[in-house]
Amino acid sequence: MKQSQHIGSLIKQILKEKKISVKEFAEKLHCCCSNVYDIFKRQSINSDLLQKISKILDYDFSPPKETSRQNLSVMALIKTSPSKFDELLADNSFEIMMSKQL
């Protein structure tokens, strides 16, 4: 999700990408269309509703976990073996190593 994009506009974008109408989405969510348009305006949303929306849209709204795990691996390498990190950077092995972790 883009940093400037709030959850409501992300939901609206996903509906558009999946070619799901507001009416169809409202029916699946068991609400009226005006409630869906209200969701599109929200900056935040409660977890229960987000979970329902996630199931309907078959979309995972959680942040990627690999990124944080990857960052921890890099920080551990820098902290424990700065010279090894420098060697990896010098011969592009670092990029290869990180792509294998993803």
N, C-alpha and C. Protein backbone atom coordinates (compact mmCIF):
# COMPACT_ATOMS: atom_id res chain seq x y z
N MET A 1 0.84 -1.17 0.00
CA MET A 1 0.00 0.00 0.00
C MET A 1 0.88 1.23 0.00
N LYS A 2 0.54 2.20 -0.84
CA LYS A 2 1.29 3.44 -0.87
C LYS A 2 1.11 4.16 0.45
N GLN A 3 2.13 4.89 0.86
CA GLN A 3 2.07 5.57 2.14
C GLN A 3 0.96 6.63 2.15
N SER A 4 0.74 7.32 1.04
CA SER A 4 -0.26 8.38 0.99
C SER A 4 -1.66 7.82 0.78
N GLN A 5 -1.80 6.55 0.48
CA GLN A 5 -3.09 5.94 0.20
C GLN A 5 -3.68 5.37 1.48
N HIS A 6 -4.91 5.77 1.81
CA HIS A 6 -5.54 5.22 3.01
C HIS A 6 -6.30 3.94 2.66
N ILE A 7 -6.71 3.22 3.68
CA ILE A 7 -7.31 1.90 3.51
C ILE A 7 -8.56 1.94 2.64
N GLY A 8 -9.37 2.95 2.79
CA GLY A 8 -10.60 3.05 2.00
C GLY A 8 -10.32 3.16 0.51
N SER A 9 -9.35 3.98 0.16
CA SER A 9 -9.04 4.11 -1.28
C SER A 9 -8.36 2.84 -1.81
N LEU A 10 -7.64 2.13 -0.95
CA LEU A 10 -7.04 0.86 -1.37
C LEU A 10 -8.14 -0.17 -1.66
N ILE A 11 -9.14 -0.23 -0.81
CA ILE A 11 -10.26 -1.15 -1.03
C ILE A 11 -10.97 -0.80 -2.34
N LYS A 12 -11.19 0.47 -2.56
CA LYS A 12 -11.83 0.92 -3.81
C LYS A 12 -10.99 0.50 -5.02
N GLN A 13 -9.69 0.67 -4.93
CA GLN A 13 -8.77 0.31 -6.01
C GLN A 13 -8.83 -1.20 -6.29
N ILE A 14 -8.86 -2.00 -5.24
CA ILE A 14 -8.89 -3.45 -5.40
C ILE A 14 -10.19 -3.89 -6.06
N LEU A 15 -11.30 -3.27 -5.65
CA LEU A 15 -12.58 -3.57 -6.30
C LEU A 15 -12.51 -3.30 -7.79
N LYS A 16 -11.92 -2.16 -8.14
CA LYS A 16 -11.81 -1.79 -9.55
C LYS A 16 -10.92 -2.79 -10.30
N GLU A 17 -9.78 -3.14 -9.71
CA GLU A 17 -8.86 -4.09 -10.35
C GLU A 17 -9.49 -5.46 -10.54
N LYS A 18 -10.31 -5.88 -9.58
CA LYS A 18 -10.95 -7.19 -9.66
C LYS A 18 -12.29 -7.13 -10.40
N LYS A 19 -12.64 -5.93 -10.86
CA LYS A 19 -13.89 -5.72 -11.62
C LYS A 19 -15.12 -6.19 -10.84
N ILE A 20 -15.14 -5.80 -9.55
CA ILE A 20 -16.28 -6.10 -8.69
C ILE A 20 -17.06 -4.81 -8.51
N SER A 21 -18.34 -4.84 -8.79
CA SER A 21 -19.16 -3.63 -8.66
C SER A 21 -19.41 -3.32 -7.19
N VAL A 22 -19.75 -2.07 -6.93
CA VAL A 22 -20.08 -1.67 -5.56
C VAL A 22 -21.30 -2.45 -5.08
N LYS A 23 -22.27 -2.63 -5.97
CA LYS A 23 -23.48 -3.37 -5.61
C LYS A 23 -23.15 -4.81 -5.22
N GLU A 24 -22.34 -5.48 -6.03
CA GLU A 24 -21.95 -6.86 -5.74
C GLU A 24 -21.18 -6.96 -4.42
N PHE A 25 -20.26 -6.01 -4.21
CA PHE A 25 -19.47 -5.98 -2.98
C PHE A 25 -20.37 -5.75 -1.77
N ALA A 26 -21.31 -4.83 -1.90
CA ALA A 26 -22.24 -4.54 -0.80
C ALA A 26 -23.07 -5.77 -0.45
N GLU A 27 -23.52 -6.49 -1.47
CA GLU A 27 -24.30 -7.71 -1.23
C GLU A 27 -23.47 -8.75 -0.47
N LYS A 28 -22.23 -8.91 -0.88
CA LYS A 28 -21.36 -9.88 -0.21
C LYS A 28 -21.02 -9.46 1.21
N LEU A 29 -20.98 -8.15 1.43
CA LEU A 29 -20.66 -7.61 2.75
C LEU A 29 -21.92 -7.48 3.61
N HIS A 30 -23.09 -7.75 3.01
CA HIS A 30 -24.39 -7.65 3.69
C HIS A 30 -24.65 -6.24 4.19
N CYS A 31 -24.46 -5.28 3.29
CA CYS A 31 -24.75 -3.88 3.62
C CYS A 31 -25.27 -3.19 2.36
N CYS A 32 -25.58 -1.91 2.48
CA CYS A 32 -26.06 -1.17 1.32
C CYS A 32 -24.90 -0.44 0.64
N CYS A 33 -25.13 -0.01 -0.57
CA CYS A 33 -24.08 0.65 -1.36
C CYS A 33 -23.54 1.90 -0.67
N SER A 34 -24.42 2.64 0.02
CA SER A 34 -23.95 3.86 0.69
C SER A 34 -22.91 3.54 1.77
N ASN A 35 -23.05 2.38 2.42
CA ASN A 35 -22.05 1.98 3.41
C ASN A 35 -20.71 1.68 2.74
N VAL A 36 -20.74 1.09 1.55
CA VAL A 36 -19.50 0.80 0.82
C VAL A 36 -18.81 2.12 0.45
N TYR A 37 -19.60 3.09 -0.04
CA TYR A 37 -19.00 4.39 -0.36
C TYR A 37 -18.42 5.06 0.87
N ASP A 38 -19.03 4.82 2.04
CA ASP A 38 -18.49 5.32 3.30
C ASP A 38 -17.15 4.65 3.62
N ILE A 39 -17.05 3.36 3.36
CA ILE A 39 -15.80 2.62 3.59
C ILE A 39 -14.68 3.21 2.72
N PHE A 40 -15.00 3.57 1.48
CA PHE A 40 -14.00 4.15 0.57
C PHE A 40 -13.38 5.43 1.13
N LYS A 41 -14.10 6.13 1.99
CA LYS A 41 -13.62 7.42 2.55
C LYS A 41 -12.82 7.25 3.83
N ARG A 42 -12.82 6.06 4.39
CA ARG A 42 -12.20 5.85 5.70
C ARG A 42 -10.67 5.86 5.64
N GLN A 43 -10.09 6.48 6.65
CA GLN A 43 -8.64 6.48 6.84
C GLN A 43 -8.20 5.21 7.56
N SER A 44 -9.10 4.65 8.36
CA SER A 44 -8.80 3.42 9.10
C SER A 44 -10.08 2.59 9.16
N ILE A 45 -9.91 1.35 9.57
CA ILE A 45 -11.04 0.42 9.59
C ILE A 45 -10.81 -0.60 10.70
N ASN A 46 -11.89 -1.04 11.35
CA ASN A 46 -11.69 -2.00 12.44
C ASN A 46 -11.31 -3.36 11.88
N SER A 47 -10.63 -4.14 12.68
CA SER A 47 -10.04 -5.39 12.21
C SER A 47 -11.08 -6.42 11.78
N ASP A 48 -12.24 -6.46 12.44
CA ASP A 48 -13.27 -7.42 12.06
C ASP A 48 -13.80 -7.14 10.65
N LEU A 49 -14.07 -5.88 10.38
CA LEU A 49 -14.56 -5.50 9.05
C LEU A 49 -13.47 -5.73 8.00
N LEU A 50 -12.25 -5.40 8.33
CA LEU A 50 -11.15 -5.60 7.39
C LEU A 50 -10.97 -7.09 7.07
N GLN A 51 -11.16 -7.94 8.06
CA GLN A 51 -11.05 -9.38 7.85
C GLN A 51 -12.15 -9.86 6.90
N LYS A 52 -13.37 -9.37 7.07
CA LYS A 52 -14.47 -9.74 6.17
C LYS A 52 -14.17 -9.28 4.74
N ILE A 53 -13.71 -8.04 4.62
CA ILE A 53 -13.38 -7.49 3.31
C ILE A 53 -12.25 -8.28 2.66
N SER A 54 -11.27 -8.64 3.46
CA SER A 54 -10.14 -9.43 2.97
C SER A 54 -10.60 -10.76 2.37
N LYS A 55 -11.52 -11.43 3.05
CA LYS A 55 -12.06 -12.70 2.56
C LYS A 55 -12.86 -12.50 1.27
N ILE A 56 -13.69 -11.48 1.24
CA ILE A 56 -14.52 -11.21 0.06
C ILE A 56 -13.64 -10.92 -1.16
N LEU A 57 -12.62 -10.09 -0.95
CA LEU A 57 -11.77 -9.67 -2.06
C LEU A 57 -10.61 -10.63 -2.32
N ASP A 58 -10.45 -11.62 -1.45
CA ASP A 58 -9.32 -12.53 -1.54
C ASP A 58 -8.02 -11.72 -1.64
N TYR A 59 -7.84 -10.83 -0.65
CA TYR A 59 -6.69 -9.93 -0.64
C TYR A 59 -6.15 -9.85 0.78
N ASP A 60 -4.84 -9.97 0.91
CA ASP A 60 -4.18 -9.90 2.21
C ASP A 60 -3.73 -8.46 2.46
N PHE A 61 -4.35 -7.80 3.42
CA PHE A 61 -4.02 -6.42 3.74
C PHE A 61 -2.85 -6.28 4.71
N SER A 62 -2.35 -7.40 5.23
CA SER A 62 -1.25 -7.31 6.19
C SER A 62 0.04 -6.91 5.48
N PRO A 63 0.91 -6.18 6.20
CA PRO A 63 2.17 -5.77 5.59
C PRO A 63 3.07 -6.97 5.32
N PRO A 64 3.90 -6.90 4.30
CA PRO A 64 4.78 -8.04 4.01
C PRO A 64 5.74 -8.32 5.15
N LYS A 65 5.83 -9.57 5.55
CA LYS A 65 6.71 -9.97 6.65
C LYS A 65 8.13 -10.19 6.19
N GLU A 66 8.33 -10.53 4.93
CA GLU A 66 9.67 -10.81 4.42
C GLU A 66 10.59 -9.59 4.56
N THR A 67 10.02 -8.41 4.35
CA THR A 67 10.83 -7.20 4.41
C THR A 67 11.47 -7.04 5.78
N SER A 68 10.68 -7.21 6.83
CA SER A 68 11.25 -7.02 8.16
C SER A 68 12.26 -8.12 8.49
N ARG A 69 11.97 -9.35 8.08
CA ARG A 69 12.90 -10.45 8.31
C ARG A 69 14.20 -10.19 7.54
N GLN A 70 14.06 -9.69 6.32
CA GLN A 70 15.22 -9.38 5.48
C GLN A 70 16.05 -8.28 6.14
N ASN A 71 15.40 -7.25 6.63
CA ASN A 71 16.12 -6.15 7.28
C ASN A 71 16.86 -6.65 8.52
N LEU A 72 16.24 -7.54 9.28
CA LEU A 72 16.91 -8.08 10.46
C LEU A 72 18.15 -8.88 10.07
N SER A 73 18.08 -9.63 8.97
CA SER A 73 19.23 -10.40 8.49
C SER A 73 20.38 -9.48 8.12
N VAL A 74 20.07 -8.40 7.44
CA VAL A 74 21.09 -7.44 7.03
C VAL A 74 21.71 -6.78 8.25
N MET A 75 20.87 -6.37 9.20
CA MET A 75 21.39 -5.71 10.39
C MET A 75 22.28 -6.65 11.20
N ALA A 76 21.88 -7.92 11.28
CA ALA A 76 22.69 -8.90 12.01
C ALA A 76 24.04 -9.10 11.33
N LEU A 77 24.04 -9.17 10.01
CA LEU A 77 25.28 -9.34 9.26
C LEU A 77 26.21 -8.14 9.46
N ILE A 78 25.66 -6.95 9.40
CA ILE A 78 26.47 -5.73 9.57
C ILE A 78 27.05 -5.70 10.98
N LYS A 79 26.22 -6.05 11.97
CA LYS A 79 26.66 -5.97 13.36
C LYS A 79 27.72 -7.02 13.68
N THR A 80 27.52 -8.25 13.21
CA THR A 80 28.43 -9.33 13.58
C THR A 80 29.67 -9.42 12.71
N SER A 81 29.54 -9.00 11.44
CA SER A 81 30.67 -9.15 10.54
C SER A 81 30.69 -8.03 9.49
N PRO A 82 31.06 -6.82 9.92
CA PRO A 82 31.06 -5.70 8.98
C PRO A 82 31.98 -5.93 7.77
N SER A 83 33.09 -6.61 7.98
CA SER A 83 34.01 -6.83 6.85
C SER A 83 33.39 -7.80 5.84
N LYS A 84 32.67 -8.81 6.31
CA LYS A 84 31.98 -9.73 5.41
C LYS A 84 30.91 -8.99 4.60
N PHE A 85 30.20 -8.10 5.26
CA PHE A 85 29.19 -7.29 4.58
C PHE A 85 29.83 -6.45 3.48
N ASP A 86 30.96 -5.83 3.78
CA ASP A 86 31.68 -5.03 2.77
C ASP A 86 32.10 -5.89 1.58
N GLU A 87 32.55 -7.10 1.86
CA GLU A 87 32.95 -8.01 0.77
C GLU A 87 31.76 -8.36 -0.12
N LEU A 88 30.63 -8.63 0.52
CA LEU A 88 29.42 -8.97 -0.25
C LEU A 88 28.97 -7.80 -1.12
N LEU A 89 29.07 -6.61 -0.58
CA LEU A 89 28.69 -5.42 -1.36
C LEU A 89 29.63 -5.22 -2.54
N ALA A 90 30.90 -5.48 -2.31
CA ALA A 90 31.91 -5.23 -3.34
C ALA A 90 31.72 -6.11 -4.57
N ASP A 91 31.32 -7.36 -4.38
CA ASP A 91 31.22 -8.24 -5.55
C ASP A 91 29.77 -8.59 -5.92
N ASN A 92 28.80 -7.81 -5.45
CA ASN A 92 27.37 -7.99 -5.75
C ASN A 92 26.78 -9.27 -5.18
N SER A 93 27.48 -9.96 -4.34
CA SER A 93 26.94 -11.17 -3.71
C SER A 93 25.79 -10.82 -2.77
N PHE A 94 25.81 -9.63 -2.25
CA PHE A 94 24.76 -9.19 -1.33
C PHE A 94 23.40 -9.22 -2.02
N GLU A 95 23.32 -8.69 -3.23
CA GLU A 95 22.06 -8.68 -3.97
C GLU A 95 21.58 -10.10 -4.25
N ILE A 96 22.48 -10.98 -4.59
CA ILE A 96 22.13 -12.37 -4.87
C ILE A 96 21.62 -13.03 -3.59
N MET A 97 22.32 -12.80 -2.48
CA MET A 97 21.94 -13.39 -1.20
C MET A 97 20.55 -12.91 -0.79
N MET A 98 20.26 -11.62 -0.94
CA MET A 98 18.98 -11.07 -0.53
C MET A 98 17.86 -11.57 -1.43
N SER A 99 18.11 -11.73 -2.71
CA SER A 99 17.06 -12.22 -3.60
C SER A 99 16.70 -13.66 -3.28
N LYS A 100 17.63 -14.44 -2.78
CA LYS A 100 17.35 -15.83 -2.38
C LYS A 100 16.50 -15.88 -1.12
N GLN A 101 16.60 -14.87 -0.27
CA GLN A 101 15.81 -14.85 0.96
C GLN A 101 14.36 -14.53 0.69
N LEU A 102 14.09 -13.85 -0.39
CA LEU A 102 12.70 -13.51 -0.72
C LEU A 102 12.01 -14.66 -1.30
